[in-house]
Amino acid sequence: MSRTVTCLVVGLSALSVSVARAQSDGGQMTTRANEPLSLTSDEPPLTMSETSSNTATTGSGSNDFWFFGDVPPLTGTIATDRPGFSDTASLVPRGHFQFESGYTFSYDREHDRRRISHTMPEMALRTGLTDWLEFRTFWAGYSYSEILDRIKTPAGRRVNDIDHVDGGTDLNLGFKLPILKQDRWMPNLSVIPSLYVPTGSDSKSFNNVVPEIKFPWNYALTNELTIYGSILGRVPDGPDGQFFQTAATLAAGYKIMDRTTLYMEYFGVFPASRTQDCSHLLSAGPVFQLTDNLSLDMRAAVGLNEQAPDFQASIGLGFRF
């Protein structure tokens, strides 16, 4: 099954490349810098998707790879995949790089078991190869988990039994290609085919190559308010075997000041694992544009059901160069 799904993802990737090439010949979807958003302009804005001013990337019209041609200067503001679970629909401008990193604290309690996790450095490196193609890597880093179980001794005393499950996570490698540009009722839409490579520790890894495909989107309702989200599908390989897993997000970002945006996001995983029910989270937080190429973000999340963590908190940054 894994080989079949992998072939399917590669095929979708090739189809997306063909679509993107076709778009580049005519109405090329490109990223626009963070200009004042106007829904009445001759060219509809490709606006902030997530929490920062995530604008879809505007290119110069050239399809040359950046290391073969002139690199255009950076314009507008950085658009990151942080801090929520949605990816931005925009691409990193051709010839430039973007680095993102962060830390997440997670707490969950179920009956007599408590789990506390710390994950860092959540590193992402993205680069624009052409105006229509972005290469991206993501590594959540190391996850340090403390599991406390309240158990009863043979003598009848209740004591705490503490265990640690620590280790590295898998590396994700992929590409992003634009599909649609906002026009009337159509949103900005991109596709991200990727693979998880089993580079992590046994306790934190899929222990197999896992294909994944995402469709991030965003739509500007006003100059200040944008709705956005993403849909993904993948085939994890766990202790109980492979299964098909989907996830979806739905969020809104509101620009309260020139360089400050607040967002709120729903995130669901269906199912959380092969033997568990679905997981539902609600998160919110601010994003600060410190400069055009540097952003700082924060996030707090609460679980909406038993399968989700009770609480999460995150802080991170993004830097474009």
C-alpha atoms as a PDB file:
ATOM      1  CA  MET A   1       0.000   0.000   0.000  1.00  0.00           C
ATOM      2  CA  SER A   2       2.861   2.374   0.855  1.00  0.00           C
ATOM      3  CA  ARG A   3       4.382   1.925  -2.620  1.00  0.00           C
ATOM      4  CA  THR A   4       1.022   2.615  -4.279  1.00  0.00           C
ATOM      5  CA  VAL A   5       0.340   5.780  -2.275  1.00  0.00           C
ATOM      6  CA  THR A   6       3.886   7.023  -2.883  1.00  0.00           C
ATOM      7  CA  CYS A   7       3.397   6.610  -6.625  1.00  0.00           C
ATOM      8  CA  LEU A   8       0.077   8.476  -6.336  1.00  0.00           C
ATOM      9  CA  VAL A   9       1.746  11.413  -4.547  1.00  0.00           C
ATOM     10  CA  VAL A  10       4.546  11.546  -7.149  1.00  0.00           C
ATOM     11  CA  GLY A  11       1.918  11.560  -9.886  1.00  0.00           C
ATOM     12  CA  LEU A  12       0.010  14.395  -8.207  1.00  0.00           C
ATOM     13  CA  SER A  13       3.295  16.299  -7.894  1.00  0.00           C
ATOM     14  CA  ALA A  14       3.960  15.946 -11.615  1.00  0.00           C
ATOM     15  CA  LEU A  15       0.404  17.064 -12.397  1.00  0.00           C
ATOM     16  CA  SER A  16       0.827  20.102 -10.137  1.00  0.00           C
ATOM     17  CA  VAL A  17       4.072  21.020 -11.924  1.00  0.00           C
ATOM     18  CA  SER A  18       2.243  20.858 -15.255  1.00  0.00           C
ATOM     19  CA  VAL A  19      -0.551  23.086 -13.929  1.00  0.00           C
ATOM     20  CA  ALA A  20       1.938  25.567 -12.537  1.00  0.00           C
ATOM     21  CA  ARG A  21       3.843  25.686 -15.845  1.00  0.00           C
ATOM     22  CA  ALA A  22       0.593  26.332 -17.677  1.00  0.00           C
ATOM     23  CA  GLN A  23      -0.226  29.153 -15.269  1.00  0.00           C
ATOM     24  CA  SER A  24       3.175  30.729 -15.760  1.00  0.00           C
ATOM     25  CA  ASP A  25       2.523  31.057 -19.503  1.00  0.00           C
ATOM     26  CA  GLY A  26      -0.596  33.114 -18.931  1.00  0.00           C
ATOM     27  CA  GLY A  27      -2.050  34.414 -15.655  1.00  0.00           C
ATOM     28  CA  GLN A  28       0.861  33.414 -13.499  1.00  0.00           C
ATOM     29  CA  MET A  29       0.127  33.161  -9.809  1.00  0.00           C
ATOM     30  CA  THR A  30       2.804  35.177  -8.109  1.00  0.00           C
ATOM     31  CA  THR A  31       3.391  36.588  -4.699  1.00  0.00           C
ATOM     32  CA  ARG A  32       2.485  40.061  -3.851  1.00  0.00           C
ATOM     33  CA  ALA A  33       4.244  41.961  -1.209  1.00  0.00           C
ATOM     34  CA  ASN A  34       2.362  43.209   1.780  1.00  0.00           C
ATOM     35  CA  GLU A  35       0.809  46.216   0.155  1.00  0.00           C
ATOM     36  CA  PRO A  36      -2.456  47.648   1.503  1.00  0.00           C
ATOM     37  CA  LEU A  37      -4.992  45.035   0.491  1.00  0.00           C
ATOM     38  CA  SER A  38      -7.663  46.123  -1.938  1.00  0.00           C
ATOM     39  CA  LEU A  39     -10.349  43.847  -3.283  1.00  0.00           C
ATOM     40  CA  THR A  40     -11.251  46.363  -5.978  1.00  0.00           C
ATOM     41  CA  SER A  41      -7.838  46.636  -7.607  1.00  0.00           C
ATOM     42  CA  ASP A  42      -7.316  45.477 -11.178  1.00  0.00           C
ATOM     43  CA  GLU A  43      -5.262  42.523  -9.905  1.00  0.00           C
ATOM     44  CA  PRO A  44      -6.852  40.771  -6.899  1.00  0.00           C
ATOM     45  CA  PRO A  45      -4.525  40.723  -3.889  1.00  0.00           C
ATOM     46  CA  LEU A  46      -2.819  37.540  -2.823  1.00  0.00           C
ATOM     47  CA  THR A  47      -3.196  38.258   0.813  1.00  0.00           C
ATOM     48  CA  MET A  48      -2.138  37.209   4.253  1.00  0.00           C
ATOM     49  CA  SER A  49      -2.949  33.628   4.972  1.00  0.00           C
ATOM     50  CA  GLU A  50      -2.308  32.690   8.579  1.00  0.00           C
ATOM     51  CA  THR A  51      -1.189  34.998  11.243  1.00  0.00           C
ATOM     52  CA  SER A  52       1.334  37.198   9.582  1.00  0.00           C
ATOM     53  CA  SER A  53       0.714  39.067   6.394  1.00  0.00           C
ATOM     54  CA  ASN A  54       0.890  35.904   4.369  1.00  0.00           C
ATOM     55  CA  THR A  55       0.680  37.121   0.830  1.00  0.00           C
ATOM     56  CA  ALA A  56       0.993  34.805  -2.088  1.00  0.00           C
ATOM     57  CA  THR A  57       4.308  35.357  -3.797  1.00  0.00           C
ATOM     58  CA  THR A  58       4.645  37.634  -6.757  1.00  0.00           C
ATOM     59  CA  GLY A  59       7.289  36.784  -9.251  1.00  0.00           C
ATOM     60  CA  SER A  60       8.928  38.641 -12.071  1.00  0.00           C
ATOM     61  CA  GLY A  61       7.471  36.381 -14.752  1.00  0.00           C
ATOM     62  CA  SER A  62      10.699  34.433 -15.218  1.00  0.00           C
ATOM     63  CA  ASN A  63      10.761  30.663 -14.827  1.00  0.00           C
ATOM     64  CA  ASP A  64      14.561  30.428 -14.591  1.00  0.00           C
ATOM     65  CA  PHE A  65      15.975  28.666 -11.579  1.00  0.00           C
ATOM     66  CA  TRP A  66      17.407  31.233  -9.210  1.00  0.00           C
ATOM     67  CA  PHE A  67      20.980  29.974  -9.467  1.00  0.00           C
ATOM     68  CA  PHE A  68      20.865  30.472 -13.249  1.00  0.00           C
ATOM     69  CA  GLY A  69      19.452  33.995 -13.322  1.00  0.00           C
ATOM     70  CA  ASP A  70      19.316  37.307 -11.545  1.00  0.00           C
ATOM     71  CA  VAL A  71      17.796  37.213  -8.069  1.00  0.00           C
ATOM     72  CA  PRO A  72      15.046  39.823  -7.612  1.00  0.00           C
ATOM     73  CA  PRO A  73      15.177  41.984  -4.464  1.00  0.00           C
ATOM     74  CA  LEU A  74      12.941  41.146  -1.520  1.00  0.00           C
ATOM     75  CA  THR A  75       9.725  43.136  -1.314  1.00  0.00           C
ATOM     76  CA  GLY A  76       6.793  43.111   1.071  1.00  0.00           C
ATOM     77  CA  THR A  77       6.772  41.218   4.380  1.00  0.00           C
ATOM     78  CA  ILE A  78       7.640  37.684   5.421  1.00  0.00           C
ATOM     79  CA  ALA A  79       4.871  35.039   5.343  1.00  0.00           C
ATOM     80  CA  THR A  80       5.553  32.046   7.607  1.00  0.00           C
ATOM     81  CA  ASP A  81       3.913  28.679   8.258  1.00  0.00           C
ATOM     82  CA  ARG A  82       3.873  29.543  11.957  1.00  0.00           C
ATOM     83  CA  PRO A  83       2.446  29.643  14.574  1.00  0.00           C
ATOM     84  CA  GLY A  84      -0.715  27.684  13.799  1.00  0.00           C
ATOM     85  CA  PHE A  85      -1.102  24.322  12.092  1.00  0.00           C
ATOM     86  CA  SER A  86      -2.014  25.813   8.683  1.00  0.00           C
ATOM     87  CA  ASP A  87       0.682  26.306   6.069  1.00  0.00           C
ATOM     88  CA  THR A  88       0.734  29.533   4.124  1.00  0.00           C
ATOM     89  CA  ALA A  89      -0.409  29.387   0.499  1.00  0.00           C
ATOM     90  CA  SER A  90       2.374  31.776  -0.534  1.00  0.00           C
ATOM     91  CA  LEU A  91       5.812  30.849  -1.869  1.00  0.00           C
ATOM     92  CA  VAL A  92       9.201  32.168  -0.824  1.00  0.00           C
ATOM     93  CA  PRO A  93      10.379  34.577  -3.571  1.00  0.00           C
ATOM     94  CA  ARG A  94      12.713  33.117  -6.176  1.00  0.00           C
ATOM     95  CA  GLY A  95      16.353  33.072  -5.152  1.00  0.00           C
ATOM     96  CA  HIS A  96      15.693  33.730  -1.461  1.00  0.00           C
ATOM     97  CA  PHE A  97      15.606  31.618   1.700  1.00  0.00           C
ATOM     98  CA  GLN A  98      13.352  31.579   4.718  1.00  0.00           C
ATOM     99  CA  PHE A  99      14.203  30.076   8.097  1.00  0.00           C
ATOM    100  CA  GLU A 100      11.597  29.349  10.776  1.00  0.00           C
ATOM    101  CA  SER A 101      12.057  27.924  14.252  1.00  0.00           C
ATOM    102  CA  GLY A 102      10.191  27.567  17.529  1.00  0.00           C
ATOM    103  CA  TYR A 103       9.450  25.723  20.761  1.00  0.00           C
ATOM    104  CA  THR A 104       6.236  23.974  21.850  1.00  0.00           C
ATOM    105  CA  PHE A 105       5.126  22.913  25.328  1.00  0.00           C
ATOM    106  CA  SER A 106       2.344  20.327  25.576  1.00  0.00           C
ATOM    107  CA  TYR A 107       0.387  19.059  28.593  1.00  0.00           C
ATOM    108  CA  ASP A 108      -2.151  16.252  28.727  1.00  0.00           C
ATOM    109  CA  ARG A 109      -3.851  14.420  31.580  1.00  0.00           C
ATOM    110  CA  GLU A 110      -6.059  11.367  31.277  1.00  0.00           C
ATOM    111  CA  HIS A 111      -7.267   9.635  34.428  1.00  0.00           C
ATOM    112  CA  ASP A 112      -4.121   8.670  36.387  1.00  0.00           C
ATOM    113  CA  ARG A 113      -1.660   9.491  33.601  1.00  0.00           C
ATOM    114  CA  ARG A 114      -0.028  12.870  32.981  1.00  0.00           C
ATOM    115  CA  ARG A 115       2.163  13.623  29.976  1.00  0.00           C
ATOM    116  CA  ILE A 116       4.362  16.717  29.537  1.00  0.00           C
ATOM    117  CA  SER A 117       6.288  17.266  26.297  1.00  0.00           C
ATOM    118  CA  HIS A 118       8.820  19.809  25.052  1.00  0.00           C
ATOM    119  CA  THR A 119       9.588  19.989  21.320  1.00  0.00           C
ATOM    120  CA  MET A 120      12.338  22.103  19.748  1.00  0.00           C
ATOM    121  CA  PRO A 121      13.761  23.636  17.561  1.00  0.00           C
ATOM    122  CA  GLU A 122      10.920  23.051  14.999  1.00  0.00           C
ATOM    123  CA  MET A 123      13.151  24.125  12.123  1.00  0.00           C
ATOM    124  CA  ALA A 124      11.882  24.855   8.634  1.00  0.00           C
ATOM    125  CA  LEU A 125      14.014  25.954   5.692  1.00  0.00           C
ATOM    126  CA  ARG A 126      12.288  27.088   2.505  1.00  0.00           C
ATOM    127  CA  THR A 127      13.697  28.462  -0.740  1.00  0.00           C
ATOM    128  CA  GLY A 128      12.147  29.693  -3.970  1.00  0.00           C
ATOM    129  CA  LEU A 129      13.628  27.744  -6.878  1.00  0.00           C
ATOM    130  CA  THR A 130      11.444  29.499  -9.456  1.00  0.00           C
ATOM    131  CA  ASP A 131       8.455  31.833  -9.378  1.00  0.00           C
ATOM    132  CA  TRP A 132       6.208  28.766  -9.286  1.00  0.00           C
ATOM    133  CA  LEU A 133       8.250  26.224  -7.285  1.00  0.00           C
ATOM    134  CA  GLU A 134       9.427  26.219  -3.667  1.00  0.00           C
ATOM    135  CA  PHE A 135      11.607  23.567  -2.026  1.00  0.00           C
ATOM    136  CA  ARG A 136      11.005  23.063   1.695  1.00  0.00           C
ATOM    137  CA  THR A 137      12.292  21.003   4.591  1.00  0.00           C
ATOM    138  CA  PHE A 138      10.879  20.701   8.095  1.00  0.00           C
ATOM    139  CA  TRP A 139      12.226  18.987  11.200  1.00  0.00           C
ATOM    140  CA  ALA A 140      10.330  19.288  14.475  1.00  0.00           C
ATOM    141  CA  GLY A 141      13.569  18.415  16.238  1.00  0.00           C
ATOM    142  CA  TYR A 142      13.841  16.637  19.559  1.00  0.00           C
ATOM    143  CA  SER A 143      10.830  15.764  21.662  1.00  0.00           C
ATOM    144  CA  TYR A 144      11.289  15.350  25.398  1.00  0.00           C
ATOM    145  CA  SER A 145       8.314  13.632  27.051  1.00  0.00           C
ATOM    146  CA  GLU A 146       7.773  12.902  30.717  1.00  0.00           C
ATOM    147  CA  ILE A 147       5.016  10.399  31.506  1.00  0.00           C
ATOM    148  CA  LEU A 148       3.779  10.204  35.091  1.00  0.00           C
ATOM    149  CA  ASP A 149       1.507   7.330  36.098  1.00  0.00           C
ATOM    150  CA  ARG A 150      -0.238   7.185  39.458  1.00  0.00           C
ATOM    151  CA  ILE A 151       0.061   3.520  40.468  1.00  0.00           C
ATOM    152  CA  LYS A 152      -0.709   1.414  43.530  1.00  0.00           C
ATOM    153  CA  THR A 153       2.030  -0.603  45.210  1.00  0.00           C
ATOM    154  CA  PRO A 154       1.479  -4.177  46.513  1.00  0.00           C
ATOM    155  CA  ALA A 155       1.163  -2.613  49.962  1.00  0.00           C
ATOM    156  CA  GLY A 156      -1.727  -0.468  48.749  1.00  0.00           C
ATOM    157  CA  ARG A 157       0.124   2.858  48.652  1.00  0.00           C
ATOM    158  CA  ARG A 158      -0.392   5.172  45.680  1.00  0.00           C
ATOM    159  CA  VAL A 159       2.890   6.476  44.258  1.00  0.00           C
ATOM    160  CA  ASN A 160       4.098   8.239  41.130  1.00  0.00           C
ATOM    161  CA  ASP A 161       5.860   6.184  38.454  1.00  0.00           C
ATOM    162  CA  ILE A 162       7.806   8.487  36.087  1.00  0.00           C
ATOM    163  CA  ASP A 163       9.094   7.472  32.671  1.00  0.00           C
ATOM    164  CA  HIS A 164      10.812   9.459  29.906  1.00  0.00           C
ATOM    165  CA  VAL A 165      10.297   8.981  26.175  1.00  0.00           C
ATOM    166  CA  ASP A 166      12.804  11.219  24.401  1.00  0.00           C
ATOM    167  CA  GLY A 167      14.180  11.303  20.881  1.00  0.00           C
ATOM    168  CA  GLY A 168      14.390  12.936  17.495  1.00  0.00           C
ATOM    169  CA  THR A 169      11.522  13.218  15.019  1.00  0.00           C
ATOM    170  CA  ASP A 170      11.346  12.479  11.287  1.00  0.00           C
ATOM    171  CA  LEU A 171      12.513  14.872   8.568  1.00  0.00           C
ATOM    172  CA  ASN A 172       9.951  16.161   6.061  1.00  0.00           C
ATOM    173  CA  LEU A 173      11.013  17.031   2.476  1.00  0.00           C
ATOM    174  CA  GLY A 174       8.699  18.546  -0.094  1.00  0.00           C
ATOM    175  CA  PHE A 175       7.784  21.156  -2.676  1.00  0.00           C
ATOM    176  CA  LYS A 176       5.099  23.826  -2.940  1.00  0.00           C
ATOM    177  CA  LEU A 177       3.389  24.882  -6.153  1.00  0.00           C
ATOM    178  CA  PRO A 178       0.622  27.464  -6.713  1.00  0.00           C
ATOM    179  CA  ILE A 179      -2.702  26.341  -8.198  1.00  0.00           C
ATOM    180  CA  LEU A 180      -5.188  29.230  -7.913  1.00  0.00           C
ATOM    181  CA  LYS A 181      -4.955  32.972  -7.409  1.00  0.00           C
ATOM    182  CA  GLN A 182      -7.680  34.880  -5.577  1.00  0.00           C
ATOM    183  CA  ASP A 183     -10.267  36.084  -8.068  1.00  0.00           C
ATOM    184  CA  ARG A 184     -13.885  36.817  -7.135  1.00  0.00           C
ATOM    185  CA  TRP A 185     -14.975  33.753  -5.134  1.00  0.00           C
ATOM    186  CA  MET A 186     -11.813  31.705  -5.769  1.00  0.00           C
ATOM    187  CA  PRO A 187      -9.169  31.693  -2.995  1.00  0.00           C
ATOM    188  CA  ASN A 188      -5.407  31.536  -3.234  1.00  0.00           C
ATOM    189  CA  LEU A 189      -4.603  27.821  -3.317  1.00  0.00           C
ATOM    190  CA  SER A 190      -1.344  25.848  -3.396  1.00  0.00           C
ATOM    191  CA  VAL A 191      -0.336  22.191  -3.210  1.00  0.00           C
ATOM    192  CA  ILE A 192       2.467  20.704  -1.073  1.00  0.00           C
ATOM    193  CA  PRO A 193       3.498  17.120  -1.892  1.00  0.00           C
ATOM    194  CA  SER A 194       6.056  15.820   0.613  1.00  0.00           C
ATOM    195  CA  LEU A 195       7.594  12.757   2.256  1.00  0.00           C
ATOM    196  CA  TYR A 196       8.452  12.011   5.868  1.00  0.00           C
ATOM    197  CA  VAL A 197      11.840  10.283   5.949  1.00  0.00           C
ATOM    198  CA  PRO A 198      12.387   7.882   8.903  1.00  0.00           C
ATOM    199  CA  THR A 199      15.315   9.732  10.480  1.00  0.00           C
ATOM    200  CA  GLY A 200      13.865   9.907  14.005  1.00  0.00           C
ATOM    201  CA  SER A 201      14.182   7.724  17.077  1.00  0.00           C
ATOM    202  CA  ASP A 202      12.073   4.563  17.225  1.00  0.00           C
ATOM    203  CA  SER A 203       9.675   6.050  19.774  1.00  0.00           C
ATOM    204  CA  LYS A 204       9.159   9.272  17.775  1.00  0.00           C
ATOM    205  CA  SER A 205       9.379   8.063  14.168  1.00  0.00           C
ATOM    206  CA  PHE A 206       6.899   6.641  11.664  1.00  0.00           C
ATOM    207  CA  ASN A 207       9.660   4.077  11.009  1.00  0.00           C
ATOM    208  CA  ASN A 208       8.788   4.167   7.326  1.00  0.00           C
ATOM    209  CA  VAL A 209       8.601   6.626   4.446  1.00  0.00           C
ATOM    210  CA  VAL A 210       5.243   8.394   4.774  1.00  0.00           C
ATOM    211  CA  PRO A 211       3.782  10.315   1.794  1.00  0.00           C
ATOM    212  CA  GLU A 212       1.731  13.427   2.500  1.00  0.00           C
ATOM    213  CA  ILE A 213      -0.122  15.986   0.401  1.00  0.00           C
ATOM    214  CA  LYS A 214      -1.443  19.365   1.615  1.00  0.00           C
ATOM    215  CA  PHE A 215      -3.669  22.015   0.079  1.00  0.00           C
ATOM    216  CA  PRO A 216      -3.233  25.369   1.893  1.00  0.00           C
ATOM    217  CA  TRP A 217      -5.568  28.231   0.938  1.00  0.00           C
ATOM    218  CA  ASN A 218      -6.492  31.768   1.996  1.00  0.00           C
ATOM    219  CA  TYR A 219      -9.082  34.385   1.077  1.00  0.00           C
ATOM    220  CA  ALA A 220      -9.088  38.100   1.959  1.00  0.00           C
ATOM    221  CA  LEU A 221     -12.520  39.300   3.081  1.00  0.00           C
ATOM    222  CA  THR A 222     -11.382  42.853   3.866  1.00  0.00           C
ATOM    223  CA  ASN A 223      -8.126  44.764   4.140  1.00  0.00           C
ATOM    224  CA  GLU A 224      -7.785  43.552   7.728  1.00  0.00           C
ATOM    225  CA  LEU A 225      -9.599  40.187   7.840  1.00  0.00           C
ATOM    226  CA  THR A 226      -8.474  37.010   6.088  1.00  0.00           C
ATOM    227  CA  ILE A 227      -9.797  33.477   6.399  1.00  0.00           C
ATOM    228  CA  TYR A 228      -7.525  30.550   5.619  1.00  0.00           C
ATOM    229  CA  GLY A 229      -6.902  26.886   6.233  1.00  0.00           C
ATOM    230  CA  SER A 230      -5.522  23.673   4.802  1.00  0.00           C
ATOM    231  CA  ILE A 231      -6.463  20.081   4.082  1.00  0.00           C
ATOM    232  CA  LEU A 232      -4.000  17.191   4.149  1.00  0.00           C
ATOM    233  CA  GLY A 233      -3.898  13.460   3.613  1.00  0.00           C
ATOM    234  CA  ARG A 234      -1.166  10.983   4.482  1.00  0.00           C
ATOM    235  CA  VAL A 235      -0.557   7.296   5.167  1.00  0.00           C
ATOM    236  CA  PRO A 236       1.232   6.862   8.512  1.00  0.00           C
ATOM    237  CA  ASP A 237       2.809   3.535   9.429  1.00  0.00           C
ATOM    238  CA  GLY A 238       2.379   2.836  13.151  1.00  0.00           C
ATOM    239  CA  PRO A 239       2.730  -0.183  15.447  1.00  0.00           C
ATOM    240  CA  ASP A 240      -0.718  -1.365  14.334  1.00  0.00           C
ATOM    241  CA  GLY A 241       0.028  -0.999  10.621  1.00  0.00           C
ATOM    242  CA  GLN A 242      -0.709   1.593   7.936  1.00  0.00           C
ATOM    243  CA  PHE A 243      -3.863   3.660   7.774  1.00  0.00           C
ATOM    244  CA  PHE A 244      -5.149   6.705   5.905  1.00  0.00           C
ATOM    245  CA  GLN A 245      -5.184   9.893   7.979  1.00  0.00           C
ATOM    246  CA  THR A 246      -6.613  13.286   7.094  1.00  0.00           C
ATOM    247  CA  ALA A 247      -6.433  16.644   8.848  1.00  0.00           C
ATOM    248  CA  ALA A 248      -8.041  20.032   8.309  1.00  0.00           C
ATOM    249  CA  THR A 249      -7.724  23.557   9.661  1.00  0.00           C
ATOM    250  CA  LEU A 250     -10.005  26.582   9.498  1.00  0.00           C
ATOM    251  CA  ALA A 251      -8.816  29.941  10.786  1.00  0.00           C
ATOM    252  CA  ALA A 252      -9.147  33.709  10.639  1.00  0.00           C
ATOM    253  CA  GLY A 253      -6.497  36.387  11.022  1.00  0.00           C
ATOM    254  CA  TYR A 254      -7.307  40.003  11.891  1.00  0.00           C
ATOM    255  CA  LYS A 255      -4.787  42.825  11.543  1.00  0.00           C
ATOM    256  CA  ILE A 256      -5.256  44.962  14.653  1.00  0.00           C
ATOM    257  CA  MET A 257      -2.230  47.213  13.998  1.00  0.00           C
ATOM    258  CA  ASP A 258       0.102  47.877  11.096  1.00  0.00           C
ATOM    259  CA  ARG A 259       2.524  45.127  12.201  1.00  0.00           C
ATOM    260  CA  THR A 260       0.382  43.041  14.591  1.00  0.00           C
ATOM    261  CA  THR A 261      -2.093  40.307  13.665  1.00  0.00           C
ATOM    262  CA  LEU A 262      -4.275  38.140  15.894  1.00  0.00           C
ATOM    263  CA  TYR A 263      -5.476  34.747  14.720  1.00  0.00           C
ATOM    264  CA  MET A 264      -7.764  31.925  15.850  1.00  0.00           C
ATOM    265  CA  GLU A 265      -7.669  28.436  14.356  1.00  0.00           C
ATOM    266  CA  TYR A 266      -9.452  25.090  14.563  1.00  0.00           C
ATOM    267  CA  PHE A 267      -7.315  22.003  13.901  1.00  0.00           C
ATOM    268  CA  GLY A 268      -8.673  18.460  13.537  1.00  0.00           C
ATOM    269  CA  VAL A 269      -6.985  15.114  12.837  1.00  0.00           C
ATOM    270  CA  PHE A 270      -9.147  12.253  11.553  1.00  0.00           C
ATOM    271  CA  PRO A 271      -8.314   9.878  13.207  1.00  0.00           C
ATOM    272  CA  ALA A 272      -5.580  10.702  15.724  1.00  0.00           C
ATOM    273  CA  SER A 273      -4.174   7.175  15.261  1.00  0.00           C
ATOM    274  CA  ARG A 274      -5.357   3.849  13.900  1.00  0.00           C
ATOM    275  CA  THR A 275      -6.735   2.768  17.279  1.00  0.00           C
ATOM    276  CA  GLN A 276      -7.964   6.187  18.501  1.00  0.00           C
ATOM    277  CA  ASP A 277     -10.758   8.617  17.760  1.00  0.00           C
ATOM    278  CA  CYS A 278     -10.353  12.019  16.075  1.00  0.00           C
ATOM    279  CA  SER A 279      -8.458  14.873  17.736  1.00  0.00           C
ATOM    280  CA  HIS A 280      -9.715  18.493  17.901  1.00  0.00           C
ATOM    281  CA  LEU A 281      -7.761  21.593  18.986  1.00  0.00           C
ATOM    282  CA  LEU A 282      -8.522  25.320  19.165  1.00  0.00           C
ATOM    283  CA  SER A 283      -5.587  27.758  19.138  1.00  0.00           C
ATOM    284  CA  ALA A 284      -5.058  31.517  19.069  1.00  0.00           C
ATOM    285  CA  GLY A 285      -2.258  34.048  19.378  1.00  0.00           C
ATOM    286  CA  PRO A 286      -0.480  37.116  17.990  1.00  0.00           C
ATOM    287  CA  VAL A 287       2.110  37.558  15.255  1.00  0.00           C
ATOM    288  CA  PHE A 288       4.430  40.567  15.322  1.00  0.00           C
ATOM    289  CA  GLN A 289       6.165  41.800  12.167  1.00  0.00           C
ATOM    290  CA  LEU A 290       9.357  43.156  13.744  1.00  0.00           C
ATOM    291  CA  THR A 291      10.724  44.050  10.294  1.00  0.00           C
ATOM    292  CA  ASP A 292       9.712  43.205   6.743  1.00  0.00           C
ATOM    293  CA  ASN A 293      11.872  40.082   6.943  1.00  0.00           C
ATOM    294  CA  LEU A 294      11.594  39.106  10.623  1.00  0.00           C
ATOM    295  CA  SER A 295       8.516  37.978  12.561  1.00  0.00           C
ATOM    296  CA  LEU A 296       7.830  36.774  16.113  1.00  0.00           C
ATOM    297  CA  ASP A 297       4.810  34.618  16.958  1.00  0.00           C
ATOM    298  CA  MET A 298       3.065  33.080  19.970  1.00  0.00           C
ATOM    299  CA  ARG A 299       0.331  30.474  20.296  1.00  0.00           C
ATOM    300  CA  ALA A 300      -1.856  28.945  23.023  1.00  0.00           C
ATOM    301  CA  ALA A 301      -4.117  25.958  22.301  1.00  0.00           C
ATOM    302  CA  VAL A 302      -6.675  23.911  24.202  1.00  0.00           C
ATOM    303  CA  GLY A 303      -7.909  20.423  23.420  1.00  0.00           C
ATOM    304  CA  LEU A 304     -11.581  20.054  22.588  1.00  0.00           C
ATOM    305  CA  ASN A 305     -11.804  16.313  23.254  1.00  0.00           C
ATOM    306  CA  GLU A 306     -10.044  13.497  25.102  1.00  0.00           C
ATOM    307  CA  GLN A 307      -7.735  12.576  22.217  1.00  0.00           C
ATOM    308  CA  ALA A 308      -6.209  16.052  21.962  1.00  0.00           C
ATOM    309  CA  PRO A 309      -3.645  17.510  24.384  1.00  0.00           C
ATOM    310  CA  ASP A 310      -5.278  19.496  27.171  1.00  0.00           C
ATOM    311  CA  PHE A 311      -3.017  22.515  26.596  1.00  0.00           C
ATOM    312  CA  GLN A 312      -0.236  23.695  24.301  1.00  0.00           C
ATOM    313  CA  ALA A 313       1.898  26.830  24.196  1.00  0.00           C
ATOM    314  CA  SER A 314       4.373  27.834  21.509  1.00  0.00           C
ATOM    315  CA  ILE A 315       6.744  30.659  20.605  1.00  0.00           C
ATOM    316  CA  GLY A 316       8.789  31.055  17.452  1.00  0.00           C
ATOM    317  CA  LEU A 317      10.215  33.290  14.768  1.00  0.00           C
ATOM    318  CA  GLY A 318      10.707  33.521  11.035  1.00  0.00           C
ATOM    319  CA  PHE A 319      13.566  35.164   9.105  1.00  0.00           C
ATOM    320  CA  ARG A 320      13.748  35.786   5.357  1.00  0.00           C
ATOM    321  CA  PHE A 321      16.953  36.560   3.460  1.00  0.00           C
END
